[in-house]
């Protein structure tokens, strides 16, 4: 019971950061399905948010997400890229969540073109409704589902529902500032 309560508390803290409204306690990315794309590392911006991505170890990316709004929030993340058919999904979690928290995962569809990066959180109200109506294991927190299903079931669910247009939040369009290999 304590673990579930702690999970809900941590999920709530993650929801408050604005990093996504659909969380999973289990990752989508595994050693078997994670891929690396050399076009992702670099510094990207939309003049409000800045995303600094570096290759940590194949296939792990270290990510610093800087919001230039009030207070200039900085969030340190770790990401792994998964190919799902023709699409790529970035499985993102906080770096070193600490002894009193549980790493939660959020998922973003990623499209990279020359000099541009499009990110879309897989967390729409429609997708949350699909989670609630499915047989996928989840726990509620403040009217948002937190997926507790194992990775294989999560992957099956996301293949079925997660890459549909209605599953995604509005696009975040970023342009490259600093090429791969540069220090930030």
Protein backbone atom coordinates (compact mmCIF):
# COMPACT_ATOMS: atom_id res chain seq x y z
CA UNK A 1 0.00 0.00 0.00
CA UNK A 2 2.86 2.38 0.81
CA UNK A 3 4.40 1.80 -2.64
CA UNK A 4 1.12 2.65 -4.41
CA UNK A 5 0.71 5.81 -2.33
CA UNK A 6 4.29 6.85 -3.07
CA UNK A 7 3.76 6.12 -6.75
CA UNK A 8 0.68 8.31 -6.86
CA UNK A 9 2.51 11.09 -5.01
CA UNK A 10 5.45 11.00 -7.41
CA UNK A 11 3.16 10.82 -10.42
CA UNK A 12 1.40 13.90 -9.12
CA UNK A 13 4.67 15.77 -8.78
CA UNK A 14 5.58 14.82 -12.35
CA UNK A 15 2.17 15.94 -13.61
CA UNK A 16 2.69 19.30 -11.96
CA UNK A 17 5.86 19.86 -13.99
CA UNK A 18 3.76 19.99 -17.17
CA UNK A 19 5.79 17.21 -18.76
CA UNK A 20 2.79 15.14 -19.76
CA UNK A 21 -0.61 14.05 -18.57
CA UNK A 22 -0.18 10.34 -19.28
CA UNK A 23 2.50 8.59 -17.27
CA UNK A 24 3.77 5.04 -17.13
CA UNK A 25 5.68 3.41 -14.32
CA UNK A 26 7.28 1.02 -16.80
CA UNK A 27 9.45 2.06 -19.75
CA UNK A 28 8.59 1.56 -23.40
CA UNK A 29 12.27 1.37 -24.32
CA UNK A 30 14.26 -1.77 -23.57
CA UNK A 31 17.75 -2.94 -24.48
CA UNK A 32 16.16 -4.90 -27.31
CA UNK A 33 14.08 -2.14 -28.94
CA UNK A 34 15.96 1.11 -28.24
CA UNK A 35 17.59 2.75 -31.26
CA UNK A 36 19.94 5.69 -31.72
CA UNK A 37 19.47 8.53 -34.20
CA UNK A 38 22.54 10.72 -34.69
CA UNK A 39 20.29 13.57 -35.91
CA UNK A 40 18.71 14.07 -32.46
CA UNK A 41 21.69 15.36 -30.42
CA UNK A 42 22.12 19.12 -30.50
CA UNK A 43 20.42 22.21 -29.15
CA UNK A 44 16.88 22.92 -30.30
CA UNK A 45 14.58 25.88 -29.59
CA UNK A 46 11.23 27.44 -30.38
CA UNK A 47 12.23 30.73 -28.67
CA UNK A 48 10.31 29.69 -25.56
CA UNK A 49 11.71 26.25 -24.77
CA UNK A 50 15.25 25.05 -25.39
CA UNK A 51 16.07 21.38 -25.59
CA UNK A 52 19.72 20.34 -25.23
CA UNK A 53 20.26 16.71 -26.25
CA UNK A 54 23.55 14.83 -25.96
CA UNK A 55 24.42 11.19 -26.49
CA UNK A 56 25.19 9.68 -23.09
CA UNK A 57 25.74 6.05 -24.08
CA UNK A 58 24.21 4.13 -26.93
CA UNK A 59 21.18 4.35 -26.99
CA UNK A 60 20.71 6.81 -24.09
CA UNK A 61 20.29 10.55 -24.53
CA UNK A 62 20.81 13.09 -21.74
CA UNK A 63 18.31 15.92 -22.15
CA UNK A 64 18.04 19.32 -20.50
CA UNK A 65 14.67 20.97 -21.17
CA UNK A 66 14.80 24.71 -20.38
CA UNK A 67 11.58 26.71 -20.27
CA UNK A 68 12.29 30.41 -20.73
CA UNK A 69 9.00 31.39 -19.05
CA UNK A 70 8.70 32.67 -15.50
CA UNK A 71 11.67 31.52 -13.47
CA UNK A 72 13.43 29.73 -16.34
CA UNK A 73 12.66 26.16 -15.32
CA UNK A 74 15.27 23.54 -16.13
CA UNK A 75 14.41 19.83 -16.19
CA UNK A 76 17.04 17.13 -16.55
CA UNK A 77 15.83 14.03 -18.36
CA UNK A 78 17.02 10.78 -19.82
CA UNK A 79 15.56 9.50 -23.07
CA UNK A 80 15.60 6.40 -25.22
CA UNK A 81 14.25 6.28 -28.75
CA UNK A 82 12.03 3.41 -29.91
CA UNK A 83 11.04 2.70 -33.51
CA UNK A 84 7.35 1.81 -33.82
CA UNK A 85 6.65 1.04 -37.46
CA UNK A 86 7.56 4.16 -39.43
CA UNK A 87 7.42 6.39 -36.34
CA UNK A 88 9.83 7.00 -33.50
CA UNK A 89 8.80 7.48 -29.89
CA UNK A 90 11.05 9.02 -27.25
CA UNK A 91 10.65 7.39 -23.82
CA UNK A 92 11.60 10.11 -21.33
CA UNK A 93 12.06 9.93 -17.56
CA UNK A 94 13.65 12.12 -14.91
CA UNK A 95 17.34 11.70 -14.19
CA UNK A 96 18.03 10.12 -10.79
CA UNK A 97 14.59 10.48 -9.21
CA UNK A 98 16.04 9.79 -5.76
CA UNK A 99 15.24 7.44 -2.90
CA UNK A 100 11.76 8.83 -2.21
CA UNK A 101 10.40 8.89 -5.73
CA UNK A 102 9.67 6.57 -8.60
CA UNK A 103 10.83 7.30 -12.14
CA UNK A 104 7.80 7.84 -14.35
CA UNK A 105 7.93 7.69 -18.13
CA UNK A 106 6.27 9.97 -20.65
CA UNK A 107 6.25 9.38 -24.38
CA UNK A 108 6.72 11.75 -27.29
CA UNK A 109 6.48 11.08 -31.00
CA UNK A 110 9.63 12.45 -32.64
CA UNK A 111 10.10 13.62 -36.22
CA UNK A 112 13.44 15.03 -37.30
CA UNK A 113 14.01 16.87 -40.55
CA UNK A 114 16.97 18.96 -41.67
CA UNK A 115 17.31 21.62 -38.99
CA UNK A 116 13.92 20.95 -37.37
CA UNK A 117 12.47 18.74 -34.67
CA UNK A 118 8.78 18.06 -34.04
CA UNK A 119 7.77 16.62 -30.68
CA UNK A 120 4.25 15.56 -29.72
CA UNK A 121 3.37 14.22 -26.28
CA UNK A 122 1.30 11.03 -26.39
CA UNK A 123 -1.10 12.18 -23.69
CA UNK A 124 -4.30 13.54 -25.22
CA UNK A 125 -7.65 13.26 -23.45
CA UNK A 126 -8.64 10.77 -26.15
CA UNK A 127 -5.63 8.55 -25.38
CA UNK A 128 -6.27 8.78 -21.65
CA UNK A 129 -9.85 7.64 -22.30
CA UNK A 130 -8.51 4.65 -24.29
CA UNK A 131 -6.33 3.70 -21.31
CA UNK A 132 -9.31 3.89 -18.94
CA UNK A 133 -11.47 1.76 -21.26
CA UNK A 134 -8.78 -0.83 -22.02
CA UNK A 135 -7.66 -3.86 -20.06
CA UNK A 136 -4.31 -2.12 -19.51
CA UNK A 137 -3.40 -1.88 -15.81
CA UNK A 138 -3.49 1.70 -14.50
CA UNK A 139 -4.12 3.72 -11.36
CA UNK A 140 -5.97 7.05 -11.22
CA UNK A 141 -4.39 10.26 -10.03
CA UNK A 142 -6.28 13.57 -10.24
CA UNK A 143 -8.40 12.28 -13.13
CA UNK A 144 -5.32 11.17 -15.08
CA UNK A 145 -4.42 7.52 -15.55
CA UNK A 146 -0.96 6.36 -14.51
CA UNK A 147 -0.14 3.21 -16.48
CA UNK A 148 1.15 0.39 -14.29
CA UNK A 149 1.14 -2.37 -16.95
CA UNK A 150 4.36 -4.18 -17.89
CA UNK A 151 6.43 -2.95 -20.84
CA UNK A 152 5.14 -5.55 -23.33
CA UNK A 153 1.50 -4.63 -22.67
CA UNK A 154 2.34 -0.91 -22.81
CA UNK A 155 4.04 -1.40 -26.20
CA UNK A 156 1.03 -3.30 -27.57
CA UNK A 157 -1.31 -0.56 -26.38
CA UNK A 158 0.81 2.24 -27.88
CA UNK A 159 1.09 0.40 -31.21
CA UNK A 160 -2.71 0.14 -31.29
CA UNK A 161 -3.64 3.64 -30.05
CA UNK A 162 -0.58 5.78 -29.32
CA UNK A 163 0.41 6.90 -32.80
CA UNK A 164 -3.01 7.97 -34.01
CA UNK A 165 -3.45 11.69 -34.62
CA UNK A 166 -6.05 11.99 -31.84
CA UNK A 167 -3.61 10.41 -29.34
CA UNK A 168 -1.16 13.30 -29.54
CA UNK A 169 -0.99 16.73 -28.01
CA UNK A 170 -0.28 19.77 -30.18
CA UNK A 171 3.13 19.76 -31.89
CA UNK A 172 6.17 21.42 -30.38
CA UNK A 173 8.23 22.67 -33.35
CA UNK A 174 11.89 23.32 -32.64
CA UNK A 175 14.79 24.46 -34.82
CA UNK A 176 18.42 23.46 -34.38
CA UNK A 177 20.70 26.04 -32.77
CA UNK A 178 23.85 24.07 -32.10
CA UNK A 179 24.91 21.05 -34.16
CA UNK A 180 25.63 17.62 -32.70
CA UNK A 181 28.90 17.31 -30.89
CA UNK A 182 28.86 20.86 -29.53
CA UNK A 183 28.91 21.52 -25.80
CA UNK A 184 26.07 23.42 -24.17
